[in-house]
Amino acid sequence: MARKPNYNFERAERERQKAAKKAARQALKQDRAAAKKGTDTSDTPSESPEAKE
């Protein structure tokens, strides 16, 4: 016997995947723009001189 479709869940999953893909593209676009501009916008904190002591 076939399963009963859950249309709301399936639609929510498609929307979630679409949003994740769009966010990944936007992040890549921002990284490329920052690299072209010569700045780094990564979320990794840079080491300060006080941290090395």
C-alpha atoms as a PDB file:
ATOM      1  CA  MET A   1       0.000   0.000   0.000  1.00  0.00           C
ATOM      2  CA  ALA A   2       1.290   3.462  -0.897  1.00  0.00           C
ATOM      3  CA  ARG A   3       1.953   6.042   1.763  1.00  0.00           C
ATOM      4  CA  LYS A   4      -0.360   8.974   2.327  1.00  0.00           C
ATOM      5  CA  PRO A   5       1.238  12.184   0.977  1.00  0.00           C
ATOM      6  CA  ASN A   6       1.914  15.022   3.382  1.00  0.00           C
ATOM      7  CA  TYR A   7       1.766  17.994   1.050  1.00  0.00           C
ATOM      8  CA  ASN A   8       2.422  20.665   3.661  1.00  0.00           C
ATOM      9  CA  PHE A   9       5.584  18.944   4.896  1.00  0.00           C
ATOM     10  CA  GLU A  10       6.856  18.313   1.373  1.00  0.00           C
ATOM     11  CA  ARG A  11       6.280  21.927   0.395  1.00  0.00           C
ATOM     12  CA  ALA A  12       8.015  23.156   3.565  1.00  0.00           C
ATOM     13  CA  GLU A  13      11.009  20.940   2.772  1.00  0.00           C
ATOM     14  CA  ARG A  14      11.234  22.294  -0.777  1.00  0.00           C
ATOM     15  CA  GLU A  15      11.055  25.870   0.531  1.00  0.00           C
ATOM     16  CA  ARG A  16      13.711  25.141   3.174  1.00  0.00           C
ATOM     17  CA  GLN A  17      16.066  23.660   0.580  1.00  0.00           C
ATOM     18  CA  LYS A  18      15.467  26.600  -1.738  1.00  0.00           C
ATOM     19  CA  ALA A  19      16.210  29.088   1.062  1.00  0.00           C
ATOM     20  CA  ALA A  20      19.409  27.253   2.023  1.00  0.00           C
ATOM     21  CA  LYS A  21      20.585  27.251  -1.591  1.00  0.00           C
ATOM     22  CA  LYS A  22      19.802  30.949  -1.923  1.00  0.00           C
ATOM     23  CA  ALA A  23      21.683  31.749   1.310  1.00  0.00           C
ATOM     24  CA  ALA A  24      24.707  29.766   0.123  1.00  0.00           C
ATOM     25  CA  ARG A  25      24.732  31.638  -3.187  1.00  0.00           C
ATOM     26  CA  GLN A  26      24.461  34.987  -1.384  1.00  0.00           C
ATOM     27  CA  ALA A  27      27.344  34.097   0.936  1.00  0.00           C
ATOM     28  CA  LEU A  28      29.489  33.077  -2.030  1.00  0.00           C
ATOM     29  CA  LYS A  29      28.611  36.291  -3.817  1.00  0.00           C
ATOM     30  CA  GLN A  30      29.588  38.346  -0.752  1.00  0.00           C
ATOM     31  CA  ASP A  31      32.881  36.463  -0.400  1.00  0.00           C
ATOM     32  CA  ARG A  32      33.717  37.061  -4.046  1.00  0.00           C
ATOM     33  CA  ALA A  33      32.861  40.753  -3.730  1.00  0.00           C
ATOM     34  CA  ALA A  34      35.035  41.050  -0.619  1.00  0.00           C
ATOM     35  CA  ALA A  35      37.928  39.265  -2.337  1.00  0.00           C
ATOM     36  CA  LYS A  36      37.610  41.572  -5.316  1.00  0.00           C
ATOM     37  CA  LYS A  37      37.557  44.581  -3.018  1.00  0.00           C
ATOM     38  CA  GLY A  38      40.547  43.258  -1.072  1.00  0.00           C
ATOM     39  CA  THR A  39      38.936  42.735   2.324  1.00  0.00           C
ATOM     40  CA  ASP A  40      38.124  39.601   4.230  1.00  0.00           C
ATOM     41  CA  THR A  41      34.595  39.233   5.616  1.00  0.00           C
ATOM     42  CA  SER A  42      34.934  35.719   7.006  1.00  0.00           C
ATOM     43  CA  ASP A  43      33.432  35.051  10.404  1.00  0.00           C
ATOM     44  CA  THR A  44      36.709  33.832  11.883  1.00  0.00           C
ATOM     45  CA  PRO A  45      38.063  36.295  14.428  1.00  0.00           C
ATOM     46  CA  SER A  46      41.561  37.543  13.811  1.00  0.00           C
ATOM     47  CA  GLU A  47      44.194  37.108  16.476  1.00  0.00           C
ATOM     48  CA  SER A  48      44.976  40.196  18.447  1.00  0.00           C
ATOM     49  CA  PRO A  49      48.443  40.902  19.908  1.00  0.00           C
ATOM     50  CA  GLU A  50      47.053  40.498  23.439  1.00  0.00           C
ATOM     51  CA  ALA A  51      45.958  36.926  22.687  1.00  0.00           C
ATOM     52  CA  LYS A  52      49.544  35.857  21.957  1.00  0.00           C
ATOM     53  CA  GLU A  53      50.871  36.845  25.394  1.00  0.00           C
END
